[in-house]
C-alpha cells in the first residue's frame, strides 16, 4: 500500500465548513426543542440531551481534533485546536471522541426505551421497567471505563511507535517525521478482537432498536383506539422524531462500519476512502437536523410560520 503524508486540504476545509454549519444547526435545533415542542413535555429533555451529545461530538471532531487518517495502518494525526494549541496527543483525542459517540447513541437508545414504555403503559402491554434505564447507563459507564483503561494499557510509547514504524513501513519513516504528531496502534489480536466485538455489539444494538421501533408502531396502532386524538398526536410526534433520529444514526454508522471492515482487513485504498467515511460521519448531525426540518411536524410548522 501507499501512504500519502500531504495534508488533505479538502478535508481540513470540510471540517471548518461542517463545524460552522453544525454549530448553527444544533443551536437552532435545541432552541426548537425547548420552545417549540412543549407538547412533548418532559420527554423533550431526553431528546435535547441526545442532541447536545451530537453537538459536542461534532465540535470535538471538526474543531478540536480534525483527524487525518493514515490507513490501512491503524494510525492518524490531528491538526485541530487540541493538538496545535494545547499539544494534546491524538491518542487522548481518540479516547474522548469515542466516549462521546458511545454516550450519544446510549442517550438515543434510552429515549426510545422511555417512549416505548409510555406507549406500552397506555396500551396495556409489556413495558421495560425503569430499572432497565439504569442498567443501560451502568453498562455505558462500565464500557467507557473498561474500554479506556484497556486502550490506555495497550498504547505504545513514542519509542515503541517508532520501532513499529521502522519494522512495518521502513520506507515511510521520513514521512512520519514530517508530521506534527501521530499515533500508531499495533495490529495485534489484543486490538483487533475488541474491534470485532465492538462491531458485533453495534450491529446487535441496531437490530434491537429496529425491533423496538416495530413494536412501538404496533402498539401505537392499538393506542389510537384508546386515547384522545390530541394525546395520540403528542406521542406520535415523539415517536416520529425518534424514528428520524434512528434512521440517521443507522446511516451515519454505515460508513464507520465499512471503515472498520477496511481497517480489519487492511484494504490498500483505505486511506482515501477513510477520509471520505470520516467526512460522511461528521455530517450526520447536520443532516439529521435538516431531515427533522423536512419530516418533523413542529419543525416544519415553525419554518412555515417564519419564512
Protein backbone atom coordinates (compact mmCIF):
# COMPACT_ATOMS: atom_id res chain seq x y z
CA UNK A 1 0.00 0.00 0.00
CA UNK A 2 0.96 3.65 -0.46
CA UNK A 3 0.79 6.28 2.30
CA UNK A 4 0.27 9.93 1.39
CA UNK A 5 1.63 12.36 4.00
CA UNK A 6 0.47 15.55 2.28
CA UNK A 7 -2.20 17.34 4.29
CA UNK A 8 -5.60 16.85 2.59
CA UNK A 9 -6.68 20.47 2.10
CA UNK A 10 -10.22 19.46 1.11
CA UNK A 11 -10.72 17.50 4.34
CA UNK A 12 -9.48 20.35 6.57
CA UNK A 13 -11.68 22.85 4.71
CA UNK A 14 -14.58 20.43 5.04
CA UNK A 15 -14.02 20.21 8.81
CA UNK A 16 -14.24 24.01 9.07
CA UNK A 17 -17.37 24.26 6.92
CA UNK A 18 -19.25 21.38 8.54
CA UNK A 19 -18.17 22.58 12.01
CA UNK A 20 -19.69 26.04 11.49
CA UNK A 21 -22.81 24.50 9.94
CA UNK A 22 -23.16 22.04 12.82
CA UNK A 23 -22.83 24.75 15.49
CA UNK A 24 -25.59 26.86 13.93
CA UNK A 25 -27.96 23.98 13.14
CA UNK A 26 -27.57 22.34 16.56
CA UNK A 27 -28.21 25.60 18.44
CA UNK A 28 -31.28 26.15 16.24
CA UNK A 29 -32.49 22.58 16.86
CA UNK A 30 -32.04 22.82 20.64
CA UNK A 31 -33.98 26.10 20.61
CA UNK A 32 -36.84 24.49 18.67
CA UNK A 33 -36.95 21.50 21.00
CA UNK A 34 -37.03 23.70 24.10
CA UNK A 35 -39.52 26.36 22.99
CA UNK A 36 -41.47 24.95 20.02
CA UNK A 37 -42.01 21.34 21.14
CA UNK A 38 -43.58 21.83 24.57
CA UNK A 39 -46.24 19.28 23.67
CA UNK A 40 -43.53 16.63 24.13
CA UNK A 41 -43.39 17.69 27.81
CA UNK A 42 -40.50 16.24 29.88
CA UNK A 43 -39.61 13.75 27.17
CA UNK A 44 -38.11 16.56 25.11
CA UNK A 45 -35.31 16.95 27.67
CA UNK A 46 -34.03 13.48 26.80
CA UNK A 47 -34.10 14.43 23.14
CA UNK A 48 -32.24 17.67 23.95
CA UNK A 49 -29.64 15.66 25.88
CA UNK A 50 -29.13 13.46 22.83
CA UNK A 51 -28.85 16.50 20.56
CA UNK A 52 -26.30 18.08 22.90
CA UNK A 53 -24.31 14.84 22.73
CA UNK A 54 -24.33 15.04 18.92
CA UNK A 55 -23.32 18.70 19.12
CA UNK A 56 -20.35 18.02 21.40
CA UNK A 57 -19.20 15.08 19.27
CA UNK A 58 -19.28 17.24 16.13
CA UNK A 59 -17.29 20.01 17.82
CA UNK A 60 -14.66 17.56 19.06
CA UNK A 61 -14.13 16.01 15.62
CA UNK A 62 -14.43 19.07 13.36
CA UNK A 63 -12.87 21.79 15.57
CA UNK A 64 -10.88 20.32 18.44
CA UNK A 65 -9.50 17.17 16.82
CA UNK A 66 -9.61 17.30 12.97
CA UNK A 67 -8.18 13.80 12.42
CA UNK A 68 -6.33 12.83 9.26
CA UNK A 69 -6.20 9.03 8.83
CA UNK A 70 -3.11 7.11 7.73
CA UNK A 71 -4.91 3.89 6.85
CA UNK A 72 -4.53 0.99 6.23
CA UNK A 73 -2.16 1.41 9.16
CA UNK A 74 -4.04 1.85 12.42
CA UNK A 75 -2.68 5.39 12.58
CA UNK A 76 -3.67 9.03 12.26
CA UNK A 77 -2.56 12.55 13.11
CA UNK A 78 -4.58 15.60 14.15
CA UNK A 79 -4.41 19.28 13.18
CA UNK A 80 -7.17 20.70 15.38
CA UNK A 81 -7.07 23.01 18.39
CA UNK A 82 -6.28 20.26 20.91
CA UNK A 83 -3.01 19.37 19.20
CA UNK A 84 -1.97 22.71 17.69
CA UNK A 85 -2.77 24.89 20.73
CA UNK A 86 -2.52 22.53 23.71
CA UNK A 87 -0.19 19.82 22.35
CA UNK A 88 -2.64 17.05 23.30
CA UNK A 89 -1.65 13.81 21.59
CA UNK A 90 -4.08 12.17 19.12
CA UNK A 91 -4.47 9.04 21.24
CA UNK A 92 -6.22 11.01 24.00
CA UNK A 93 -8.42 12.82 21.47
CA UNK A 94 -9.47 9.41 20.15
CA UNK A 95 -10.48 8.31 23.67
CA UNK A 96 -12.62 11.43 24.12
CA UNK A 97 -14.44 11.25 20.79
CA UNK A 98 -15.14 7.51 21.11
CA UNK A 99 -16.58 8.05 24.59
CA UNK A 100 -18.90 10.83 23.37
CA UNK A 101 -20.06 8.74 20.40
CA UNK A 102 -20.99 5.98 22.86
CA UNK A 103 -22.82 8.48 25.09
CA UNK A 104 -24.90 9.96 22.27
CA UNK A 105 -26.04 6.56 20.98
CA UNK A 106 -26.92 5.41 24.50
CA UNK A 107 -28.97 8.58 25.06
CA UNK A 108 -30.85 7.85 21.83
CA UNK A 109 -31.49 4.28 22.94
CA UNK A 110 -32.71 5.35 26.39
CA UNK A 111 -35.00 7.96 24.80
CA UNK A 112 -36.59 5.27 22.65
CA UNK A 113 -36.96 2.90 25.61
CA UNK A 114 -38.71 5.66 27.59
CA UNK A 115 -41.13 6.42 24.75
CA UNK A 116 -41.75 2.70 24.26
CA UNK A 117 -42.51 2.42 28.00
CA UNK A 118 -45.01 5.30 27.87
CA UNK A 119 -46.81 3.92 24.81
CA UNK A 120 -46.82 0.39 26.25
CA UNK A 121 -48.29 1.51 29.58
CA UNK A 122 -51.11 3.37 27.81
CA UNK A 123 -51.73 0.40 25.51
CA UNK A 124 -51.79 -2.00 28.50
CA UNK A 125 -48.95 -4.17 27.18
CA UNK A 126 -45.44 -5.16 28.20
CA UNK A 127 -43.11 -2.27 29.08
CA UNK A 128 -39.47 -2.26 30.13
CA UNK A 129 -39.15 -1.43 33.85
CA UNK A 130 -37.43 1.81 34.89
CA UNK A 131 -34.53 -0.27 36.20
CA UNK A 132 -33.70 -1.12 32.59
CA UNK A 133 -32.64 2.51 32.05
CA UNK A 134 -30.26 2.31 34.99
CA UNK A 135 -28.85 -0.94 33.60
CA UNK A 136 -28.14 0.74 30.24
CA UNK A 137 -26.32 3.63 31.93
CA UNK A 138 -24.38 1.19 34.11
CA UNK A 139 -23.13 -0.69 31.04
CA UNK A 140 -22.31 2.64 29.38
CA UNK A 141 -20.12 3.78 32.30
CA UNK A 142 -18.63 0.30 32.69
CA UNK A 143 -17.88 0.06 28.97
CA UNK A 144 -16.27 3.51 28.83
CA UNK A 145 -14.09 2.90 31.90
CA UNK A 146 -13.01 -0.59 30.86
CA UNK A 147 -12.54 0.40 27.22
CA UNK A 148 -10.43 3.46 28.07
CA UNK A 149 -8.33 1.54 30.60
CA UNK A 150 -7.74 -1.26 28.10
CA UNK A 151 -6.83 1.18 25.31
CA UNK A 152 -4.53 3.08 27.68
CA UNK A 153 -2.79 -0.11 28.78
CA UNK A 154 -2.24 -1.19 25.16
CA UNK A 155 -0.94 2.15 23.92
CA UNK A 156 2.65 2.34 22.71
CA UNK A 157 5.27 4.74 23.99
CA UNK A 158 6.83 7.13 21.48
CA UNK A 159 9.91 4.90 21.20
CA UNK A 160 7.76 1.80 20.65
CA UNK A 161 5.78 3.59 17.94
CA UNK A 162 8.98 4.47 16.09
CA UNK A 163 10.16 0.87 16.37
CA UNK A 164 6.83 -0.32 14.95
CA UNK A 165 7.07 2.15 12.05
CA UNK A 166 10.63 1.04 11.23
CA UNK A 167 9.50 -2.59 11.33
CA UNK A 168 6.24 -2.34 9.36
CA UNK A 169 6.78 0.62 6.98
CA UNK A 170 10.51 1.46 7.00
CA UNK A 171 10.17 3.39 3.72
CA UNK A 172 7.87 5.92 5.40
CA UNK A 173 9.99 6.88 8.41
CA UNK A 174 10.75 10.31 6.95
CA UNK A 175 7.07 10.81 6.20
CA UNK A 176 6.19 10.26 9.85
CA UNK A 177 8.99 12.63 10.90
CA UNK A 178 7.31 15.38 8.87
CA UNK A 179 4.03 15.08 10.79
CA UNK A 180 3.16 17.46 13.66
CA UNK A 181 2.01 14.46 15.73
CA UNK A 182 0.73 10.94 15.21
CA UNK A 183 -0.50 7.82 16.92
CA UNK A 184 0.20 4.31 15.66
CA UNK A 185 -1.60 1.27 17.05
CA UNK A 186 -0.19 -2.24 16.55
CA UNK A 187 -2.32 -4.64 14.52
CA UNK A 188 -2.35 -7.28 17.25
CA UNK A 189 -5.09 -9.67 18.40
CA UNK A 190 -5.46 -7.58 21.57
CA UNK A 191 -6.54 -4.67 19.35
CA UNK A 192 -8.40 -6.49 16.56
CA UNK A 193 -10.56 -8.70 18.79
CA UNK A 194 -12.05 -5.73 20.69
CA UNK A 195 -12.77 -4.07 17.31
CA UNK A 196 -14.63 -7.19 16.18
CA UNK A 197 -16.52 -7.20 19.48
CA UNK A 198 -17.49 -3.52 19.17
CA UNK A 199 -18.60 -4.16 15.58
CA UNK A 200 -20.77 -7.07 16.76
CA UNK A 201 -22.28 -5.00 19.59
CA UNK A 202 -23.03 -2.17 17.16
CA UNK A 203 -24.89 -4.49 14.79
CA UNK A 204 -26.75 -6.08 17.72
CA UNK A 205 -27.84 -2.67 19.05
CA UNK A 206 -29.06 -1.54 15.61
CA UNK A 207 -31.12 -4.72 15.16
CA UNK A 208 -32.56 -4.39 18.69
CA UNK A 209 -33.56 -0.77 18.12
CA UNK A 210 -35.32 -1.59 14.85
CA UNK A 211 -37.24 -4.38 16.60
CA UNK A 212 -38.19 -1.84 19.28
CA UNK A 213 -39.38 0.55 16.57
CA UNK A 214 -41.56 -2.15 15.03
CA UNK A 215 -43.09 -2.99 18.41
CA UNK A 216 -43.69 0.70 19.19
CA UNK A 217 -45.55 1.25 15.91
CA UNK A 218 -47.65 -1.84 16.58
CA UNK A 219 -48.61 -0.50 20.00
CA UNK A 220 -49.26 2.97 18.60
CA UNK A 221 -51.89 1.45 16.31
CA UNK A 222 -53.56 -0.09 19.36
CA UNK A 223 -53.19 3.16 21.34
CA UNK A 224 -55.02 5.17 18.65
CA UNK A 225 -58.24 3.44 19.62
CA UNK A 226 -57.82 4.13 23.36
CA UNK A 227 -56.78 7.75 23.84
CA UNK A 228 -57.90 11.16 22.66
CA UNK A 229 -56.60 12.38 19.31
CA UNK A 230 -54.56 15.17 20.94
CA UNK A 231 -52.75 12.73 23.24
CA UNK A 232 -52.18 10.31 20.38
CA UNK A 233 -50.65 13.02 18.19
CA UNK A 234 -48.35 14.06 21.04
CA UNK A 235 -46.97 10.53 21.37
CA UNK A 236 -46.88 10.07 17.60
CA UNK A 237 -44.70 13.18 17.23
CA UNK A 238 -42.25 11.87 19.80
CA UNK A 239 -42.06 8.50 18.04
CA UNK A 240 -41.64 10.17 14.64
CA UNK A 241 -38.79 12.30 15.98
CA UNK A 242 -37.00 9.23 17.32
CA UNK A 243 -37.53 7.27 14.11
CA UNK A 244 -35.85 10.05 12.12
CA UNK A 245 -33.00 10.01 14.64
CA UNK A 246 -32.61 6.23 14.48
CA UNK A 247 -32.59 6.18 10.68
CA UNK A 248 -29.98 8.93 10.71
CA UNK A 249 -27.93 7.07 13.31
CA UNK A 250 -28.04 3.90 11.23
CA UNK A 251 -26.96 5.76 8.10
CA UNK A 252 -24.15 7.54 9.97
CA UNK A 253 -22.89 4.23 11.35
CA UNK A 254 -22.76 2.67 7.87
CA UNK A 255 -19.54 4.44 6.76
CA UNK A 256 -17.97 3.72 10.15
CA UNK A 257 -18.77 0.02 9.79
CA UNK A 258 -17.25 -0.01 6.29
CA UNK A 259 -14.20 1.81 7.64
CA UNK A 260 -13.86 -0.74 10.44
CA UNK A 261 -14.01 -3.60 7.93
CA UNK A 262 -11.41 -1.93 5.69
CA UNK A 263 -9.11 -1.48 8.70
CA UNK A 264 -9.56 -5.02 9.95
CA UNK A 265 -8.68 -6.47 6.56
CA UNK A 266 -6.07 -3.79 5.69
CA UNK A 267 -7.54 -2.87 2.31
CA UNK A 268 -4.93 -0.99 0.22
CA UNK A 269 -7.09 2.07 -0.63
CA UNK A 270 -8.23 2.60 2.96
CA UNK A 271 -6.50 5.99 3.36
CA UNK A 272 -8.52 7.85 0.72
CA UNK A 273 -11.77 6.04 1.42
CA UNK A 274 -11.19 6.50 5.15
CA UNK A 275 -11.12 10.27 4.69
CA UNK A 276 -14.45 10.08 2.86
CA UNK A 277 -16.01 7.84 5.53
CA UNK A 278 -14.91 10.18 8.33
CA UNK A 279 -16.26 13.16 6.37
CA UNK A 280 -19.61 11.37 5.97
CA UNK A 281 -19.80 10.64 9.70
CA UNK A 282 -19.06 14.22 10.74
CA UNK A 283 -22.02 15.39 8.64
CA UNK A 284 -24.51 13.14 10.44
CA UNK A 285 -25.68 15.72 12.98
CA UNK A 286 -26.27 18.45 10.38
CA UNK A 287 -28.06 16.05 8.01
CA UNK A 288 -30.17 14.85 10.93
CA UNK A 289 -31.41 18.35 11.71
CA UNK A 290 -32.14 19.02 8.03
CA UNK A 291 -34.19 15.80 7.96
CA UNK A 292 -36.10 16.95 11.06
CA UNK A 293 -36.88 20.29 9.40
CA UNK A 294 -38.35 18.33 6.49
CA UNK A 295 -40.17 15.49 8.25
CA UNK A 296 -40.87 16.54 11.88
CA UNK A 297 -44.21 18.46 12.09
CA UNK A 298 -43.31 21.01 14.84
CA UNK A 299 -40.13 22.00 13.00
CA UNK A 300 -41.97 22.19 9.66
CA UNK A 301 -44.69 24.34 11.24
CA UNK A 302 -42.12 26.74 12.69
CA UNK A 303 -40.49 27.19 9.28
CA UNK A 304 -43.84 27.80 7.58
CA UNK A 305 -44.74 30.48 10.11
CA UNK A 306 -41.41 32.29 9.96
CA UNK A 307 -40.34 32.01 6.32
